């Protein structure tokens, strides 16, 4: 038996295990999101989300969205044996957006907050430019693909 065939089968088993574990994590994250939403809407201030509650709910929502996108990437690898680079870059953009939403200026000095925002801005510009170029080129990486 060819060693590359064995390695490919092992990769498929690893991706399948990752997919099932990710599904479990996503289900737990959805339960957590539902609990945060319930707690914010019905226990602390009925029918009104305060600013910190809204930030927590949005952070949990974006975390679920990141997990779903990651699951989509793994499914695409299973179906087509290719990695869709635009999905990975989009996932990074969503993760940075989550970081921006959860950023609390009260926990750091004004200078540190400014430096962090500048760094995040540079990352957003770089990821956005990369996403644009990838979409324009239609780049997909996988066996038998040459990048186009």
C-alpha atoms as a PDB file:
ATOM      1  CA  UNK A   1       0.000   0.000   0.000  1.00  0.00           C
ATOM      2  CA  UNK A   2       1.250   3.477  -0.897  1.00  0.00           C
ATOM      3  CA  UNK A   3       2.351   5.624   2.070  1.00  0.00           C
ATOM      4  CA  UNK A   4       0.630   8.743   0.691  1.00  0.00           C
ATOM      5  CA  UNK A   5      -2.685   6.870   0.592  1.00  0.00           C
ATOM      6  CA  UNK A   6      -2.255   5.885   4.241  1.00  0.00           C
ATOM      7  CA  UNK A   7      -1.416   9.478   5.190  1.00  0.00           C
ATOM      8  CA  UNK A   8      -4.478  10.775   3.317  1.00  0.00           C
ATOM      9  CA  UNK A   9      -6.717   8.314   5.177  1.00  0.00           C
ATOM     10  CA  UNK A  10      -5.214   9.371   8.498  1.00  0.00           C
ATOM     11  CA  UNK A  11      -5.820  13.026   7.548  1.00  0.00           C
ATOM     12  CA  UNK A  12      -9.473  12.231   6.779  1.00  0.00           C
ATOM     13  CA  UNK A  13      -9.878  10.545  10.182  1.00  0.00           C
ATOM     14  CA  UNK A  14      -8.313  13.560  11.911  1.00  0.00           C
ATOM     15  CA  UNK A  15     -10.553  15.994  10.012  1.00  0.00           C
ATOM     16  CA  UNK A  16     -13.623  13.882  10.856  1.00  0.00           C
ATOM     17  CA  UNK A  17     -12.665  13.863  14.545  1.00  0.00           C
ATOM     18  CA  UNK A  18     -12.122  17.631  14.462  1.00  0.00           C
ATOM     19  CA  UNK A  19     -15.481  18.125  12.776  1.00  0.00           C
ATOM     20  CA  UNK A  20     -17.353  16.104  15.421  1.00  0.00           C
ATOM     21  CA  UNK A  21     -15.550  17.891  18.263  1.00  0.00           C
ATOM     22  CA  UNK A  22     -16.297  21.260  16.649  1.00  0.00           C
ATOM     23  CA  UNK A  23     -19.980  20.344  16.372  1.00  0.00           C
ATOM     24  CA  UNK A  24     -19.973  19.546  20.096  1.00  0.00           C
ATOM     25  CA  UNK A  25     -18.275  22.875  20.875  1.00  0.00           C
ATOM     26  CA  UNK A  26     -20.777  24.734  18.662  1.00  0.00           C
ATOM     27  CA  UNK A  27     -23.717  23.144  20.441  1.00  0.00           C
ATOM     28  CA  UNK A  28     -22.237  24.177  23.798  1.00  0.00           C
ATOM     29  CA  UNK A  29     -21.634  27.710  22.468  1.00  0.00           C
ATOM     30  CA  UNK A  30     -25.252  27.972  21.278  1.00  0.00           C
ATOM     31  CA  UNK A  31     -26.485  26.874  24.715  1.00  0.00           C
ATOM     32  CA  UNK A  32     -24.203  29.506  26.276  1.00  0.00           C
ATOM     33  CA  UNK A  33     -25.506  32.160  23.865  1.00  0.00           C
ATOM     34  CA  UNK A  34     -29.112  31.245  24.662  1.00  0.00           C
ATOM     35  CA  UNK A  35     -28.345  31.411  28.394  1.00  0.00           C
ATOM     36  CA  UNK A  36     -26.672  34.830  28.053  1.00  0.00           C
ATOM     37  CA  UNK A  37     -29.617  36.121  26.042  1.00  0.00           C
ATOM     38  CA  UNK A  38     -32.152  34.711  28.502  1.00  0.00           C
ATOM     39  CA  UNK A  39     -30.256  36.086  31.476  1.00  0.00           C
ATOM     40  CA  UNK A  40     -29.893  39.519  29.862  1.00  0.00           C
ATOM     41  CA  UNK A  41     -33.509  39.788  28.748  1.00  0.00           C
ATOM     42  CA  UNK A  42     -35.393  38.261  31.654  1.00  0.00           C
ATOM     43  CA  UNK A  43     -33.376  38.330  34.888  1.00  0.00           C
ATOM     44  CA  UNK A  44     -31.228  41.428  35.328  1.00  0.00           C
ATOM     45  CA  UNK A  45     -33.179  44.132  33.478  1.00  0.00           C
ATOM     46  CA  UNK A  46     -36.366  42.656  32.002  1.00  0.00           C
ATOM     47  CA  UNK A  47     -36.731  43.137  28.231  1.00  0.00           C
ATOM     48  CA  UNK A  48     -33.716  45.426  28.047  1.00  0.00           C
ATOM     49  CA  UNK A  49     -30.091  44.593  27.392  1.00  0.00           C
ATOM     50  CA  UNK A  50     -27.548  46.816  29.085  1.00  0.00           C
ATOM     51  CA  UNK A  51     -24.366  47.727  27.211  1.00  0.00           C
ATOM     52  CA  UNK A  52     -22.157  45.083  28.840  1.00  0.00           C
ATOM     53  CA  UNK A  53     -24.846  42.424  28.315  1.00  0.00           C
ATOM     54  CA  UNK A  54     -25.183  43.360  24.660  1.00  0.00           C
ATOM     55  CA  UNK A  55     -21.419  43.138  24.199  1.00  0.00           C
ATOM     56  CA  UNK A  56     -21.375  39.685  25.836  1.00  0.00           C
ATOM     57  CA  UNK A  57     -24.255  38.464  23.633  1.00  0.00           C
ATOM     58  CA  UNK A  58     -22.642  39.817  20.458  1.00  0.00           C
ATOM     59  CA  UNK A  59     -19.312  38.245  21.422  1.00  0.00           C
ATOM     60  CA  UNK A  60     -20.982  34.869  21.968  1.00  0.00           C
ATOM     61  CA  UNK A  61     -22.904  35.238  18.685  1.00  0.00           C
ATOM     62  CA  UNK A  62     -19.727  35.981  16.739  1.00  0.00           C
ATOM     63  CA  UNK A  63     -17.989  33.052  18.427  1.00  0.00           C
ATOM     64  CA  UNK A  64     -20.746  30.745  17.131  1.00  0.00           C
ATOM     65  CA  UNK A  65     -20.426  32.331  13.683  1.00  0.00           C
ATOM     66  CA  UNK A  66     -16.661  31.710  13.704  1.00  0.00           C
ATOM     67  CA  UNK A  67     -17.276  28.084  14.634  1.00  0.00           C
ATOM     68  CA  UNK A  68     -19.823  27.641  11.843  1.00  0.00           C
ATOM     69  CA  UNK A  69     -17.405  29.117   9.303  1.00  0.00           C
ATOM     70  CA  UNK A  70     -14.651  26.829  10.559  1.00  0.00           C
ATOM     71  CA  UNK A  71     -17.003  23.862  10.233  1.00  0.00           C
ATOM     72  CA  UNK A  72     -17.769  24.984   6.677  1.00  0.00           C
ATOM     73  CA  UNK A  73     -14.040  25.016   5.903  1.00  0.00           C
ATOM     74  CA  UNK A  74     -13.640  21.462   7.175  1.00  0.00           C
ATOM     75  CA  UNK A  75     -16.717  20.317   5.215  1.00  0.00           C
ATOM     76  CA  UNK A  76     -15.321  21.895   2.038  1.00  0.00           C
ATOM     77  CA  UNK A  77     -12.072  20.025   2.574  1.00  0.00           C
ATOM     78  CA  UNK A  78     -14.013  16.770   2.939  1.00  0.00           C
ATOM     79  CA  UNK A  79     -16.122  17.355  -0.188  1.00  0.00           C
ATOM     80  CA  UNK A  80     -13.544  18.771  -2.555  1.00  0.00           C
ATOM     81  CA  UNK A  81     -10.229  17.938  -0.863  1.00  0.00           C
ATOM     82  CA  UNK A  82      -9.388  21.643  -1.184  1.00  0.00           C
ATOM     83  CA  UNK A  83      -8.981  24.504   1.230  1.00  0.00           C
ATOM     84  CA  UNK A  84     -10.975  27.605   0.342  1.00  0.00           C
ATOM     85  CA  UNK A  85      -8.576  30.351   1.312  1.00  0.00           C
ATOM     86  CA  UNK A  86     -11.240  33.060   1.179  1.00  0.00           C
ATOM     87  CA  UNK A  87     -13.193  31.302   3.940  1.00  0.00           C
ATOM     88  CA  UNK A  88     -10.107  31.184   6.152  1.00  0.00           C
ATOM     89  CA  UNK A  89      -9.412  34.908   5.606  1.00  0.00           C
ATOM     90  CA  UNK A  90     -13.098  35.723   6.205  1.00  0.00           C
ATOM     91  CA  UNK A  91     -12.879  33.743   9.431  1.00  0.00           C
ATOM     92  CA  UNK A  92      -9.896  35.863  10.492  1.00  0.00           C
ATOM     93  CA  UNK A  93     -11.832  39.064   9.690  1.00  0.00           C
ATOM     94  CA  UNK A  94     -14.762  37.879  11.840  1.00  0.00           C
ATOM     95  CA  UNK A  95     -12.354  37.016  14.680  1.00  0.00           C
ATOM     96  CA  UNK A  96     -10.821  40.502  14.534  1.00  0.00           C
ATOM     97  CA  UNK A  97     -14.314  42.052  14.508  1.00  0.00           C
ATOM     98  CA  UNK A  98     -15.131  40.011  17.616  1.00  0.00           C
ATOM     99  CA  UNK A  99     -11.961  41.319  19.262  1.00  0.00           C
ATOM    100  CA  UNK A 100     -12.960  44.901  18.466  1.00  0.00           C
ATOM    101  CA  UNK A 101     -16.448  44.405  19.904  1.00  0.00           C
ATOM    102  CA  UNK A 102     -15.103  42.846  23.106  1.00  0.00           C
ATOM    103  CA  UNK A 103     -12.314  45.415  23.540  1.00  0.00           C
ATOM    104  CA  UNK A 104     -12.786  47.238  26.852  1.00  0.00           C
ATOM    105  CA  UNK A 105     -11.018  50.607  27.003  1.00  0.00           C
ATOM    106  CA  UNK A 106     -11.558  50.776  30.751  1.00  0.00           C
ATOM    107  CA  UNK A 107      -9.025  48.040  31.438  1.00  0.00           C
ATOM    108  CA  UNK A 108      -6.016  49.806  29.865  1.00  0.00           C
ATOM    109  CA  UNK A 109      -4.425  53.230  29.565  1.00  0.00           C
ATOM    110  CA  UNK A 110      -5.357  55.558  26.730  1.00  0.00           C
ATOM    111  CA  UNK A 111      -1.969  55.059  25.065  1.00  0.00           C
ATOM    112  CA  UNK A 112      -2.204  51.254  25.209  1.00  0.00           C
ATOM    113  CA  UNK A 113      -5.771  51.389  23.895  1.00  0.00           C
ATOM    114  CA  UNK A 114      -4.665  53.597  21.001  1.00  0.00           C
ATOM    115  CA  UNK A 115      -1.753  51.319  20.137  1.00  0.00           C
ATOM    116  CA  UNK A 116      -4.053  48.289  20.205  1.00  0.00           C
ATOM    117  CA  UNK A 117      -6.582  50.025  17.938  1.00  0.00           C
ATOM    118  CA  UNK A 118      -3.822  50.984  15.487  1.00  0.00           C
ATOM    119  CA  UNK A 119      -2.624  47.371  15.418  1.00  0.00           C
ATOM    120  CA  UNK A 120      -6.139  46.066  14.882  1.00  0.00           C
ATOM    121  CA  UNK A 121      -6.644  48.633  12.110  1.00  0.00           C
ATOM    122  CA  UNK A 122      -3.506  47.449  10.327  1.00  0.00           C
ATOM    123  CA  UNK A 123      -4.671  43.837  10.625  1.00  0.00           C
ATOM    124  CA  UNK A 124      -8.130  44.712   9.257  1.00  0.00           C
ATOM    125  CA  UNK A 125      -6.652  46.566   6.278  1.00  0.00           C
ATOM    126  CA  UNK A 126      -4.272  43.680   5.531  1.00  0.00           C
ATOM    127  CA  UNK A 127      -6.969  41.015   5.826  1.00  0.00           C
ATOM    128  CA  UNK A 128      -9.416  43.043   3.740  1.00  0.00           C
ATOM    129  CA  UNK A 129      -6.851  43.576   0.994  1.00  0.00           C
ATOM    130  CA  UNK A 130      -5.970  39.889   1.079  1.00  0.00           C
ATOM    131  CA  UNK A 131      -9.635  38.896   0.907  1.00  0.00           C
ATOM    132  CA  UNK A 132     -10.215  41.223  -2.041  1.00  0.00           C
ATOM    133  CA  UNK A 133      -7.211  39.838  -3.933  1.00  0.00           C
ATOM    134  CA  UNK A 134      -8.169  36.232  -3.187  1.00  0.00           C
ATOM    135  CA  UNK A 135     -11.743  36.767  -4.378  1.00  0.00           C
ATOM    136  CA  UNK A 136     -10.507  38.556  -7.479  1.00  0.00           C
ATOM    137  CA  UNK A 137      -8.073  35.731  -8.300  1.00  0.00           C
ATOM    138  CA  UNK A 138     -10.475  32.900  -7.331  1.00  0.00           C
ATOM    139  CA  UNK A 139      -7.653  31.230  -5.385  1.00  0.00           C
ATOM    140  CA  UNK A 140      -8.230  27.682  -4.093  1.00  0.00           C
ATOM    141  CA  UNK A 141      -5.525  25.416  -2.702  1.00  0.00           C
ATOM    142  CA  UNK A 142      -5.654  21.639  -3.010  1.00  0.00           C
ATOM    143  CA  UNK A 143      -4.460  18.626  -4.991  1.00  0.00           C
ATOM    144  CA  UNK A 144      -4.309  19.299  -8.691  1.00  0.00           C
ATOM    145  CA  UNK A 145      -4.860  23.016  -8.152  1.00  0.00           C
ATOM    146  CA  UNK A 146      -2.286  25.510  -9.282  1.00  0.00           C
ATOM    147  CA  UNK A 147      -3.675  28.407  -7.309  1.00  0.00           C
ATOM    148  CA  UNK A 148      -6.258  29.482  -9.909  1.00  0.00           C
END
